[in-house]
């Protein structure tokens, strides 16, 4: 029989799992920042030269992005969850409204993966995504920024 006390005692495995999850949290933040750094490298390079940027530029900006994301953890989490939730809301609403809209399984219909390249007749999706993401960011900042 399991006693109620056994649920309140942390075991070695539960401590190890909690350490793994905390590390995964920081790795996730770093990956978001590194992705933004790589995005800045590609977009910025396009203004100066044609073609792809050198690997060293991408790596340096990815590292700067990861460090910057670590310094601004709260805001990275707020913005990423707001825009991720906005995209999920849009895909869910489109799927409910039109059963085929949420499926990206047809050949050549990959717009669901790329919010900035919508399918024909869905040019409003990126605009709605950005607006919903900004609203979500504002709500989260307003709610978490209150003095208690």
C-alpha atoms as a PDB file:
ATOM      1  CA  UNK A   1       0.000   0.000   0.000  1.00  0.00           C
ATOM      2  CA  UNK A   2       1.226   3.485  -0.851  1.00  0.00           C
ATOM      3  CA  UNK A   3       1.297   5.920   2.018  1.00  0.00           C
ATOM      4  CA  UNK A   4       0.460   9.625   1.591  1.00  0.00           C
ATOM      5  CA  UNK A   5       3.946  10.499   2.822  1.00  0.00           C
ATOM      6  CA  UNK A   6       5.569   8.821  -0.170  1.00  0.00           C
ATOM      7  CA  UNK A   7       4.043  11.436  -2.488  1.00  0.00           C
ATOM      8  CA  UNK A   8       5.616  14.334  -0.621  1.00  0.00           C
ATOM      9  CA  UNK A   9       9.183  12.969  -0.656  1.00  0.00           C
ATOM     10  CA  UNK A  10      11.199  13.758  -3.759  1.00  0.00           C
ATOM     11  CA  UNK A  11      13.158  10.809  -5.067  1.00  0.00           C
ATOM     12  CA  UNK A  12      16.459  10.830  -6.930  1.00  0.00           C
ATOM     13  CA  UNK A  13      14.710  10.242 -10.223  1.00  0.00           C
ATOM     14  CA  UNK A  14      12.244  13.083  -9.672  1.00  0.00           C
ATOM     15  CA  UNK A  15      15.120  15.437  -8.862  1.00  0.00           C
ATOM     16  CA  UNK A  16      16.971  14.327 -11.983  1.00  0.00           C
ATOM     17  CA  UNK A  17      13.859  14.816 -14.099  1.00  0.00           C
ATOM     18  CA  UNK A  18      13.342  18.300 -12.745  1.00  0.00           C
ATOM     19  CA  UNK A  19      16.948  19.214 -13.564  1.00  0.00           C
ATOM     20  CA  UNK A  20      16.478  17.864 -17.104  1.00  0.00           C
ATOM     21  CA  UNK A  21      13.309  19.935 -17.581  1.00  0.00           C
ATOM     22  CA  UNK A  22      14.967  23.106 -16.293  1.00  0.00           C
ATOM     23  CA  UNK A  23      17.860  22.556 -18.692  1.00  0.00           C
ATOM     24  CA  UNK A  24      15.394  21.914 -21.530  1.00  0.00           C
ATOM     25  CA  UNK A  25      13.717  25.244 -20.719  1.00  0.00           C
ATOM     26  CA  UNK A  26      17.009  27.101 -21.122  1.00  0.00           C
ATOM     27  CA  UNK A  27      17.914  25.168 -24.272  1.00  0.00           C
ATOM     28  CA  UNK A  28      14.536  26.120 -25.750  1.00  0.00           C
ATOM     29  CA  UNK A  29      15.091  29.798 -24.972  1.00  0.00           C
ATOM     30  CA  UNK A  30      18.553  29.602 -26.522  1.00  0.00           C
ATOM     31  CA  UNK A  31      17.231  27.915 -29.657  1.00  0.00           C
ATOM     32  CA  UNK A  32      14.610  30.607 -30.144  1.00  0.00           C
ATOM     33  CA  UNK A  33      17.288  33.292 -29.830  1.00  0.00           C
ATOM     34  CA  UNK A  34      19.671  31.428 -32.143  1.00  0.00           C
ATOM     35  CA  UNK A  35      16.910  31.100 -34.721  1.00  0.00           C
ATOM     36  CA  UNK A  36      16.237  34.821 -34.546  1.00  0.00           C
ATOM     37  CA  UNK A  37      19.960  35.505 -34.898  1.00  0.00           C
ATOM     38  CA  UNK A  38      20.143  33.314 -38.003  1.00  0.00           C
ATOM     39  CA  UNK A  39      17.066  35.071 -39.392  1.00  0.00           C
ATOM     40  CA  UNK A  40      18.738  38.458 -38.877  1.00  0.00           C
ATOM     41  CA  UNK A  41      21.865  37.143 -40.611  1.00  0.00           C
ATOM     42  CA  UNK A  42      19.947  36.041 -43.698  1.00  0.00           C
ATOM     43  CA  UNK A  43      17.707  39.091 -43.934  1.00  0.00           C
ATOM     44  CA  UNK A  44      20.520  41.529 -43.223  1.00  0.00           C
ATOM     45  CA  UNK A  45      22.887  39.868 -45.672  1.00  0.00           C
ATOM     46  CA  UNK A  46      20.307  40.200 -48.438  1.00  0.00           C
ATOM     47  CA  UNK A  47      20.505  43.989 -48.148  1.00  0.00           C
ATOM     48  CA  UNK A  48      24.259  44.071 -48.739  1.00  0.00           C
ATOM     49  CA  UNK A  49      25.046  41.198 -51.080  1.00  0.00           C
ATOM     50  CA  UNK A  50      23.318  38.565 -53.166  1.00  0.00           C
ATOM     51  CA  UNK A  51      23.434  34.943 -52.108  1.00  0.00           C
ATOM     52  CA  UNK A  52      23.761  33.308 -48.733  1.00  0.00           C
ATOM     53  CA  UNK A  53      25.772  34.808 -45.879  1.00  0.00           C
ATOM     54  CA  UNK A  54      29.004  33.114 -44.798  1.00  0.00           C
ATOM     55  CA  UNK A  55      28.700  30.410 -42.178  1.00  0.00           C
ATOM     56  CA  UNK A  56      30.790  32.441 -39.719  1.00  0.00           C
ATOM     57  CA  UNK A  57      28.310  35.331 -39.868  1.00  0.00           C
ATOM     58  CA  UNK A  58      25.390  32.990 -39.239  1.00  0.00           C
ATOM     59  CA  UNK A  59      27.156  31.329 -36.301  1.00  0.00           C
ATOM     60  CA  UNK A  60      28.171  34.623 -34.687  1.00  0.00           C
ATOM     61  CA  UNK A  61      24.687  36.119 -34.988  1.00  0.00           C
ATOM     62  CA  UNK A  62      23.087  32.879 -33.781  1.00  0.00           C
ATOM     63  CA  UNK A  63      25.302  32.963 -30.672  1.00  0.00           C
ATOM     64  CA  UNK A  64      24.470  36.643 -30.087  1.00  0.00           C
ATOM     65  CA  UNK A  65      20.779  35.824 -30.508  1.00  0.00           C
ATOM     66  CA  UNK A  66      20.987  32.965 -28.017  1.00  0.00           C
ATOM     67  CA  UNK A  67      22.779  35.118 -25.441  1.00  0.00           C
ATOM     68  CA  UNK A  68      20.316  37.951 -25.993  1.00  0.00           C
ATOM     69  CA  UNK A  69      17.394  35.567 -25.538  1.00  0.00           C
ATOM     70  CA  UNK A  70      18.878  34.362 -22.257  1.00  0.00           C
ATOM     71  CA  UNK A  71      19.147  37.946 -21.044  1.00  0.00           C
ATOM     72  CA  UNK A  72      15.561  38.714 -22.091  1.00  0.00           C
ATOM     73  CA  UNK A  73      13.949  35.390 -21.111  1.00  0.00           C
ATOM     74  CA  UNK A  74      10.649  36.822 -19.936  1.00  0.00           C
ATOM     75  CA  UNK A  75      10.021  38.705 -23.149  1.00  0.00           C
ATOM     76  CA  UNK A  76      11.143  35.828 -25.369  1.00  0.00           C
ATOM     77  CA  UNK A  77       8.668  33.509 -23.639  1.00  0.00           C
ATOM     78  CA  UNK A  78       5.862  36.070 -23.823  1.00  0.00           C
ATOM     79  CA  UNK A  79       6.327  36.857 -27.516  1.00  0.00           C
ATOM     80  CA  UNK A  80       6.886  33.248 -28.578  1.00  0.00           C
ATOM     81  CA  UNK A  81       3.846  31.938 -26.715  1.00  0.00           C
ATOM     82  CA  UNK A  82       1.697  34.811 -27.997  1.00  0.00           C
ATOM     83  CA  UNK A  83       2.594  34.225 -31.634  1.00  0.00           C
ATOM     84  CA  UNK A  84       2.543  30.438 -31.283  1.00  0.00           C
ATOM     85  CA  UNK A  85      -0.905  30.634 -29.698  1.00  0.00           C
ATOM     86  CA  UNK A  86      -2.122  33.026 -32.396  1.00  0.00           C
ATOM     87  CA  UNK A  87      -0.999  30.621 -35.119  1.00  0.00           C
ATOM     88  CA  UNK A  88      -2.668  27.704 -33.333  1.00  0.00           C
ATOM     89  CA  UNK A  89      -5.876  29.713 -32.997  1.00  0.00           C
ATOM     90  CA  UNK A  90      -5.894  30.566 -36.702  1.00  0.00           C
ATOM     91  CA  UNK A  91      -5.231  27.002 -37.819  1.00  0.00           C
ATOM     92  CA  UNK A  92      -7.909  25.690 -35.446  1.00  0.00           C
ATOM     93  CA  UNK A  93     -10.464  28.225 -36.642  1.00  0.00           C
ATOM     94  CA  UNK A  94      -9.696  27.484 -40.295  1.00  0.00           C
ATOM     95  CA  UNK A  95      -9.967  23.770 -39.668  1.00  0.00           C
ATOM     96  CA  UNK A  96     -13.356  24.158 -37.987  1.00  0.00           C
ATOM     97  CA  UNK A  97     -14.604  26.464 -40.736  1.00  0.00           C
ATOM     98  CA  UNK A  98     -13.277  24.352 -43.620  1.00  0.00           C
ATOM     99  CA  UNK A  99     -12.175  20.779 -42.963  1.00  0.00           C
ATOM    100  CA  UNK A 100      -9.590  20.878 -45.756  1.00  0.00           C
ATOM    101  CA  UNK A 101      -8.023  24.172 -44.641  1.00  0.00           C
ATOM    102  CA  UNK A 102      -6.102  22.673 -41.740  1.00  0.00           C
ATOM    103  CA  UNK A 103      -4.635  19.841 -43.748  1.00  0.00           C
ATOM    104  CA  UNK A 104      -1.312  20.380 -45.407  1.00  0.00           C
ATOM    105  CA  UNK A 105      -1.301  16.901 -46.891  1.00  0.00           C
ATOM    106  CA  UNK A 106      -2.144  17.766 -50.494  1.00  0.00           C
ATOM    107  CA  UNK A 107       0.765  18.048 -52.870  1.00  0.00           C
ATOM    108  CA  UNK A 108       1.950  21.632 -53.051  1.00  0.00           C
ATOM    109  CA  UNK A 109      -0.228  22.803 -50.156  1.00  0.00           C
ATOM    110  CA  UNK A 110       2.454  23.592 -47.580  1.00  0.00           C
ATOM    111  CA  UNK A 111       1.234  27.041 -46.563  1.00  0.00           C
ATOM    112  CA  UNK A 112       0.241  25.787 -43.119  1.00  0.00           C
ATOM    113  CA  UNK A 113       3.933  25.499 -42.248  1.00  0.00           C
ATOM    114  CA  UNK A 114       4.859  28.923 -43.564  1.00  0.00           C
ATOM    115  CA  UNK A 115       2.751  31.784 -42.230  1.00  0.00           C
ATOM    116  CA  UNK A 116       4.441  34.291 -44.534  1.00  0.00           C
ATOM    117  CA  UNK A 117       3.606  32.338 -47.713  1.00  0.00           C
ATOM    118  CA  UNK A 118      -0.170  31.828 -47.543  1.00  0.00           C
ATOM    119  CA  UNK A 119      -2.158  29.784 -50.029  1.00  0.00           C
ATOM    120  CA  UNK A 120      -4.275  31.391 -52.718  1.00  0.00           C
ATOM    121  CA  UNK A 121      -7.166  33.350 -51.253  1.00  0.00           C
ATOM    122  CA  UNK A 122      -5.662  33.371 -47.774  1.00  0.00           C
ATOM    123  CA  UNK A 123      -3.549  36.510 -47.923  1.00  0.00           C
ATOM    124  CA  UNK A 124      -5.255  37.761 -44.777  1.00  0.00           C
ATOM    125  CA  UNK A 125      -3.757  34.941 -42.656  1.00  0.00           C
ATOM    126  CA  UNK A 126      -0.322  36.555 -42.010  1.00  0.00           C
ATOM    127  CA  UNK A 127      -1.983  39.867 -41.129  1.00  0.00           C
ATOM    128  CA  UNK A 128      -4.389  38.171 -38.728  1.00  0.00           C
ATOM    129  CA  UNK A 129      -1.496  36.168 -37.250  1.00  0.00           C
ATOM    130  CA  UNK A 130       0.565  39.297 -36.565  1.00  0.00           C
ATOM    131  CA  UNK A 131      -2.420  41.184 -35.120  1.00  0.00           C
ATOM    132  CA  UNK A 132      -3.415  38.278 -32.848  1.00  0.00           C
ATOM    133  CA  UNK A 133       0.215  37.817 -31.803  1.00  0.00           C
ATOM    134  CA  UNK A 134       0.528  41.490 -30.896  1.00  0.00           C
ATOM    135  CA  UNK A 135      -2.738  41.381 -28.947  1.00  0.00           C
ATOM    136  CA  UNK A 136      -1.543  38.263 -27.107  1.00  0.00           C
ATOM    137  CA  UNK A 137       1.792  39.915 -26.336  1.00  0.00           C
ATOM    138  CA  UNK A 138       0.041  43.007 -25.001  1.00  0.00           C
ATOM    139  CA  UNK A 139      -2.309  40.971 -22.830  1.00  0.00           C
ATOM    140  CA  UNK A 140       0.516  38.903 -21.372  1.00  0.00           C
ATOM    141  CA  UNK A 141       2.630  41.970 -20.661  1.00  0.00           C
ATOM    142  CA  UNK A 142      -0.328  43.720 -19.034  1.00  0.00           C
ATOM    143  CA  UNK A 143      -1.232  40.733 -16.881  1.00  0.00           C
ATOM    144  CA  UNK A 144       2.296  39.809 -15.796  1.00  0.00           C
ATOM    145  CA  UNK A 145       3.437  43.399 -15.340  1.00  0.00           C
ATOM    146  CA  UNK A 146       0.944  44.305 -12.620  1.00  0.00           C
ATOM    147  CA  UNK A 147       2.168  45.079  -9.145  1.00  0.00           C
ATOM    148  CA  UNK A 148       0.877  42.689  -6.532  1.00  0.00           C
END
